Amino acid sequence: MEKVLTPVNAEGRATLGIRPGDTVRVTQNIIELKKGRGTDKKEKTIKNARKQVFEGLVIAVKHGTEAGASFTVRATLSGVGVEKVFPLYSPAIDSIEIVKRSKVRRAKLYFIREKAAKAMRRQLRNARIMHVKSDETLASTEAEEGVETAPEEGTVETAPAEIPETEVTEEKETAEVAA
């Protein structure tokens, strides 16, 4: 059998043994091309190389350790689920590090997508009931008023009266449980 020359340590990646349920940290080499005109008004292309780290849960491994092997990594970044499919022997991957290994009962963990979405919906529902405002809205109201909104000493702030919307969300919640 012929030896294939490659910049990737194929034996090292094959013996890594990535499995579904592993939390991995993948470091990628990314080359950005930036086009622009110089002082001589000619088109120039500037290459900028950087490393990017993506850490998440392995939800699928396809084709084992053969030449076309790949693995799918899922992470939640800023409340948004992001999945990336990495070829195992890609020269763009600088390193793969297994951070944590968990025992799972499935070969493909696609059900994690729906589970994460339900958890996010539950958090949003709870935030609506509590009438929580983000920092941006508080800053904009303070800027409009031009004065501080801190309560004076000796005053007691009271919570707003219950709004009928909370009853509606509770009915939706019981409907979801029944479904």
C-alpha atoms as a PDB file:
ATOM      1  CA  MET A   1       0.000   0.000   0.000  1.00  0.00           C
ATOM      2  CA  GLU A   2       1.285   3.444  -0.913  1.00  0.00           C
ATOM      3  CA  LYS A   3       2.067   6.016   1.753  1.00  0.00           C
ATOM      4  CA  VAL A   4       0.143   9.251   1.202  1.00  0.00           C
ATOM      5  CA  LEU A   5       1.946  12.493   2.027  1.00  0.00           C
ATOM      6  CA  THR A   6      -0.267  14.794   4.051  1.00  0.00           C
ATOM      7  CA  PRO A   7       0.295  17.646   6.534  1.00  0.00           C
ATOM      8  CA  VAL A   8      -2.136  15.922   8.926  1.00  0.00           C
ATOM      9  CA  ASN A   9      -1.079  13.413  11.566  1.00  0.00           C
ATOM     10  CA  ALA A  10      -3.544  10.747  10.373  1.00  0.00           C
ATOM     11  CA  GLU A  11      -2.501   8.110  12.930  1.00  0.00           C
ATOM     12  CA  GLY A  12      -2.897  10.573  15.800  1.00  0.00           C
ATOM     13  CA  ARG A  13      -6.386  11.625  14.733  1.00  0.00           C
ATOM     14  CA  ALA A  14      -7.500   8.030  14.149  1.00  0.00           C
ATOM     15  CA  THR A  15      -6.374   6.964  17.627  1.00  0.00           C
ATOM     16  CA  LEU A  16      -8.090   9.994  19.217  1.00  0.00           C
ATOM     17  CA  GLY A  17     -11.342   8.035  19.216  1.00  0.00           C
ATOM     18  CA  ILE A  18     -13.949  10.800  19.040  1.00  0.00           C
ATOM     19  CA  ARG A  19     -17.370   9.500  20.108  1.00  0.00           C
ATOM     20  CA  PRO A  20     -20.850  11.022  20.423  1.00  0.00           C
ATOM     21  CA  GLY A  21     -21.241  12.615  23.837  1.00  0.00           C
ATOM     22  CA  ASP A  22     -17.683  13.965  23.935  1.00  0.00           C
ATOM     23  CA  THR A  23     -17.117  17.648  24.534  1.00  0.00           C
ATOM     24  CA  VAL A  24     -14.335  18.666  22.162  1.00  0.00           C
ATOM     25  CA  ARG A  25     -12.314  21.819  21.494  1.00  0.00           C
ATOM     26  CA  VAL A  26     -11.439  22.148  17.799  1.00  0.00           C
ATOM     27  CA  THR A  27      -8.821  24.720  16.784  1.00  0.00           C
ATOM     28  CA  GLN A  28      -9.111  25.773  13.154  1.00  0.00           C
ATOM     29  CA  ASN A  29      -6.713  27.716  10.947  1.00  0.00           C
ATOM     30  CA  ILE A  30      -8.751  30.341   9.093  1.00  0.00           C
ATOM     31  CA  ILE A  31      -7.307  32.372   6.231  1.00  0.00           C
ATOM     32  CA  GLU A  32      -9.131  35.622   5.474  1.00  0.00           C
ATOM     33  CA  LEU A  33      -8.656  37.305   2.125  1.00  0.00           C
ATOM     34  CA  LYS A  34      -8.992  41.078   2.089  1.00  0.00           C
ATOM     35  CA  LYS A  35      -9.101  42.885  -1.245  1.00  0.00           C
ATOM     36  CA  GLY A  36      -8.243  46.535  -1.527  1.00  0.00           C
ATOM     37  CA  ARG A  37      -6.434  49.155  -3.547  1.00  0.00           C
ATOM     38  CA  GLY A  38      -3.027  50.443  -2.553  1.00  0.00           C
ATOM     39  CA  THR A  39      -1.479  53.866  -3.089  1.00  0.00           C
ATOM     40  CA  ASP A  40      -0.539  52.799  -6.629  1.00  0.00           C
ATOM     41  CA  LYS A  41      -4.277  52.121  -7.320  1.00  0.00           C
ATOM     42  CA  LYS A  42      -3.696  48.468  -8.128  1.00  0.00           C
ATOM     43  CA  GLU A  43      -5.877  45.685  -6.778  1.00  0.00           C
ATOM     44  CA  LYS A  44      -4.124  43.936  -3.878  1.00  0.00           C
ATOM     45  CA  THR A  45      -5.113  40.853  -1.931  1.00  0.00           C
ATOM     46  CA  ILE A  46      -3.979  40.605   1.671  1.00  0.00           C
ATOM     47  CA  LYS A  47      -3.998  37.248   3.430  1.00  0.00           C
ATOM     48  CA  ASN A  48      -4.620  37.235   7.165  1.00  0.00           C
ATOM     49  CA  ALA A  49      -4.285  33.928   9.022  1.00  0.00           C
ATOM     50  CA  ARG A  50      -5.801  33.371  12.454  1.00  0.00           C
ATOM     51  CA  LYS A  51      -6.839  30.516  14.709  1.00  0.00           C
ATOM     52  CA  GLN A  52     -10.412  30.020  15.852  1.00  0.00           C
ATOM     53  CA  VAL A  53     -11.539  27.710  18.645  1.00  0.00           C
ATOM     54  CA  PHE A  54     -14.934  25.985  18.581  1.00  0.00           C
ATOM     55  CA  GLU A  55     -15.936  24.015  21.670  1.00  0.00           C
ATOM     56  CA  GLY A  56     -19.074  21.933  21.884  1.00  0.00           C
ATOM     57  CA  LEU A  57     -20.778  18.547  22.151  1.00  0.00           C
ATOM     58  CA  VAL A  58     -20.175  15.889  19.505  1.00  0.00           C
ATOM     59  CA  ILE A  59     -23.639  14.830  18.359  1.00  0.00           C
ATOM     60  CA  ALA A  60     -22.626  12.583  15.447  1.00  0.00           C
ATOM     61  CA  VAL A  61     -19.597  10.743  14.079  1.00  0.00           C
ATOM     62  CA  LYS A  62     -19.842   9.471  10.510  1.00  0.00           C
ATOM     63  CA  HIS A  63     -17.639   6.962   8.686  1.00  0.00           C
ATOM     64  CA  GLY A  64     -15.482   6.083  11.706  1.00  0.00           C
ATOM     65  CA  THR A  65     -11.792   6.661  11.017  1.00  0.00           C
ATOM     66  CA  GLU A  66     -11.698   6.150   7.235  1.00  0.00           C
ATOM     67  CA  ALA A  67     -10.645   8.781   4.710  1.00  0.00           C
ATOM     68  CA  GLY A  68     -14.013  10.583   4.519  1.00  0.00           C
ATOM     69  CA  ALA A  69     -14.700  10.576   8.253  1.00  0.00           C
ATOM     70  CA  SER A  70     -16.450  13.577   9.803  1.00  0.00           C
ATOM     71  CA  PHE A  71     -17.921  14.609  13.127  1.00  0.00           C
ATOM     72  CA  THR A  72     -20.627  17.143  13.997  1.00  0.00           C
ATOM     73  CA  VAL A  73     -20.126  19.502  16.947  1.00  0.00           C
ATOM     74  CA  ARG A  74     -22.967  21.524  18.500  1.00  0.00           C
ATOM     75  CA  ALA A  75     -22.538  24.568  20.755  1.00  0.00           C
ATOM     76  CA  THR A  76     -24.891  27.237  22.053  1.00  0.00           C
ATOM     77  CA  LEU A  77     -23.396  30.678  21.414  1.00  0.00           C
ATOM     78  CA  SER A  78     -25.266  33.749  22.690  1.00  0.00           C
ATOM     79  CA  GLY A  79     -28.453  31.711  23.029  1.00  0.00           C
ATOM     80  CA  VAL A  80     -28.292  30.415  19.442  1.00  0.00           C
ATOM     81  CA  GLY A  81     -27.524  26.781  18.618  1.00  0.00           C
ATOM     82  CA  VAL A  82     -24.610  26.433  16.189  1.00  0.00           C
ATOM     83  CA  GLU A  83     -23.504  23.192  14.553  1.00  0.00           C
ATOM     84  CA  LYS A  84     -20.355  22.626  12.548  1.00  0.00           C
ATOM     85  CA  VAL A  85     -19.366  19.527  10.608  1.00  0.00           C
ATOM     86  CA  PHE A  86     -15.604  18.944  10.649  1.00  0.00           C
ATOM     87  CA  PRO A  87     -13.783  16.494   8.363  1.00  0.00           C
ATOM     88  CA  LEU A  88     -11.563  14.402  10.645  1.00  0.00           C
ATOM     89  CA  TYR A  89      -8.451  14.641   8.457  1.00  0.00           C
ATOM     90  CA  SER A  90      -8.844  18.248   7.301  1.00  0.00           C
ATOM     91  CA  PRO A  91      -5.561  20.182   7.086  1.00  0.00           C
ATOM     92  CA  ALA A  92      -7.487  23.318   8.167  1.00  0.00           C
ATOM     93  CA  ILE A  93      -7.909  21.784  11.632  1.00  0.00           C
ATOM     94  CA  ASP A  94      -4.902  22.596  13.786  1.00  0.00           C
ATOM     95  CA  SER A  95      -5.795  20.456  16.802  1.00  0.00           C
ATOM     96  CA  ILE A  96      -8.637  18.466  18.346  1.00  0.00           C
ATOM     97  CA  GLU A  97      -8.792  18.188  22.117  1.00  0.00           C
ATOM     98  CA  ILE A  98     -11.286  16.050  24.032  1.00  0.00           C
ATOM     99  CA  VAL A  99     -12.319  18.138  27.049  1.00  0.00           C
ATOM    100  CA  LYS A 100     -14.926  15.836  28.596  1.00  0.00           C
ATOM    101  CA  ARG A 101     -16.262  12.382  27.812  1.00  0.00           C
ATOM    102  CA  SER A 102     -19.841  11.418  28.675  1.00  0.00           C
ATOM    103  CA  LYS A 103     -21.599   8.087  28.476  1.00  0.00           C
ATOM    104  CA  VAL A 104     -24.503   8.156  26.020  1.00  0.00           C
ATOM    105  CA  ARG A 105     -26.910   5.488  24.812  1.00  0.00           C
ATOM    106  CA  ARG A 106     -27.291   6.659  21.224  1.00  0.00           C
ATOM    107  CA  ALA A 107     -24.978   6.839  18.224  1.00  0.00           C
ATOM    108  CA  LYS A 108     -26.560  10.068  16.949  1.00  0.00           C
ATOM    109  CA  LEU A 109     -27.634  12.721  19.468  1.00  0.00           C
ATOM    110  CA  TYR A 110     -29.907  14.762  17.172  1.00  0.00           C
ATOM    111  CA  PHE A 111     -32.585  14.916  19.877  1.00  0.00           C
ATOM    112  CA  ILE A 112     -30.397  17.483  21.703  1.00  0.00           C
ATOM    113  CA  ARG A 113     -31.573  20.085  19.159  1.00  0.00           C
ATOM    114  CA  GLU A 114     -35.209  19.930  20.288  1.00  0.00           C
ATOM    115  CA  LYS A 115     -34.234  19.621  23.934  1.00  0.00           C
ATOM    116  CA  ALA A 116     -32.197  22.828  23.790  1.00  0.00           C
ATOM    117  CA  ALA A 117     -34.975  24.655  21.929  1.00  0.00           C
ATOM    118  CA  LYS A 118     -37.532  23.684  24.588  1.00  0.00           C
ATOM    119  CA  ALA A 119     -35.209  24.893  27.352  1.00  0.00           C
ATOM    120  CA  MET A 120     -34.758  28.257  25.596  1.00  0.00           C
ATOM    121  CA  ARG A 121     -38.525  28.671  25.146  1.00  0.00           C
ATOM    122  CA  ARG A 122     -39.010  27.898  28.835  1.00  0.00           C
ATOM    123  CA  GLN A 123     -36.434  30.541  29.811  1.00  0.00           C
ATOM    124  CA  LEU A 124     -38.069  33.136  27.563  1.00  0.00           C
ATOM    125  CA  ARG A 125     -41.489  32.373  29.015  1.00  0.00           C
ATOM    126  CA  ASN A 126     -40.199  32.772  32.572  1.00  0.00           C
ATOM    127  CA  ALA A 127     -38.465  36.048  31.683  1.00  0.00           C
ATOM    128  CA  ARG A 128     -41.730  37.460  30.306  1.00  0.00           C
ATOM    129  CA  ILE A 129     -43.619  36.594  33.479  1.00  0.00           C
ATOM    130  CA  MET A 130     -41.030  38.317  35.680  1.00  0.00           C
ATOM    131  CA  HIS A 131     -41.144  41.571  33.614  1.00  0.00           C
ATOM    132  CA  VAL A 132     -37.348  41.714  33.312  1.00  0.00           C
ATOM    133  CA  LYS A 133     -35.858  44.554  31.296  1.00  0.00           C
ATOM    134  CA  SER A 134     -32.492  44.411  29.602  1.00  0.00           C
ATOM    135  CA  ASP A 135     -29.702  46.887  30.317  1.00  0.00           C
ATOM    136  CA  GLU A 136     -30.185  48.622  26.944  1.00  0.00           C
ATOM    137  CA  THR A 137     -33.797  49.589  27.683  1.00  0.00           C
ATOM    138  CA  LEU A 138     -32.881  50.885  31.146  1.00  0.00           C
ATOM    139  CA  ALA A 139     -30.048  52.989  29.708  1.00  0.00           C
ATOM    140  CA  SER A 140     -32.287  54.484  27.002  1.00  0.00           C
ATOM    141  CA  THR A 141     -35.036  55.445  29.489  1.00  0.00           C
ATOM    142  CA  GLU A 142     -32.460  57.069  31.800  1.00  0.00           C
ATOM    143  CA  ALA A 143     -31.015  59.032  28.876  1.00  0.00           C
ATOM    144  CA  GLU A 144     -34.486  60.257  27.861  1.00  0.00           C
ATOM    145  CA  GLU A 145     -35.346  61.379  31.386  1.00  0.00           C
ATOM    146  CA  GLY A 146     -31.930  62.915  32.019  1.00  0.00           C
ATOM    147  CA  VAL A 147     -32.089  62.108  35.751  1.00  0.00           C
ATOM    148  CA  GLU A 148     -31.290  59.100  37.857  1.00  0.00           C
ATOM    149  CA  THR A 149     -34.198  56.758  38.579  1.00  0.00           C
ATOM    150  CA  ALA A 150     -32.867  55.434  41.882  1.00  0.00           C
ATOM    151  CA  PRO A 151     -35.444  55.468  44.701  1.00  0.00           C
ATOM    152  CA  GLU A 152     -34.990  57.926  47.550  1.00  0.00           C
ATOM    153  CA  GLU A 153     -34.309  56.816  51.089  1.00  0.00           C
ATOM    154  CA  GLY A 154     -37.370  55.763  53.030  1.00  0.00           C
ATOM    155  CA  THR A 155     -39.462  54.992  49.909  1.00  0.00           C
ATOM    156  CA  VAL A 156     -40.616  51.499  49.128  1.00  0.00           C
ATOM    157  CA  GLU A 157     -41.056  50.294  45.564  1.00  0.00           C
ATOM    158  CA  THR A 158     -44.087  48.126  44.977  1.00  0.00           C
ATOM    159  CA  ALA A 159     -44.367  45.422  42.373  1.00  0.00           C
ATOM    160  CA  PRO A 160     -46.830  46.027  39.529  1.00  0.00           C
ATOM    161  CA  ALA A 161     -50.204  44.344  39.777  1.00  0.00           C
ATOM    162  CA  GLU A 162     -50.577  40.997  38.081  1.00  0.00           C
ATOM    163  CA  ILE A 163     -51.280  41.222  34.397  1.00  0.00           C
ATOM    164  CA  PRO A 164     -53.770  38.820  32.771  1.00  0.00           C
ATOM    165  CA  GLU A 165     -51.034  37.721  30.308  1.00  0.00           C
ATOM    166  CA  THR A 166     -49.539  35.525  33.009  1.00  0.00           C
ATOM    167  CA  GLU A 167     -52.746  33.493  33.084  1.00  0.00           C
ATOM    168  CA  VAL A 168     -52.558  33.021  29.320  1.00  0.00           C
ATOM    169  CA  THR A 169     -48.970  31.761  29.502  1.00  0.00           C
ATOM    170  CA  GLU A 170     -49.914  29.327  32.249  1.00  0.00           C
ATOM    171  CA  GLU A 171     -52.702  27.933  30.056  1.00  0.00           C
ATOM    172  CA  LYS A 172     -50.215  27.506  27.209  1.00  0.00           C
ATOM    173  CA  GLU A 173     -47.861  25.715  29.575  1.00  0.00           C
ATOM    174  CA  THR A 174     -50.554  23.237  30.646  1.00  0.00           C
ATOM    175  CA  ALA A 175     -51.496  22.719  26.999  1.00  0.00           C
ATOM    176  CA  GLU A 176     -47.854  21.834  26.200  1.00  0.00           C
ATOM    177  CA  VAL A 177     -47.721  19.371  29.087  1.00  0.00           C
ATOM    178  CA  ALA A 178     -50.936  17.705  27.880  1.00  0.00           C
ATOM    179  CA  ALA A 179     -49.598  17.408  24.316  1.00  0.00           C
END
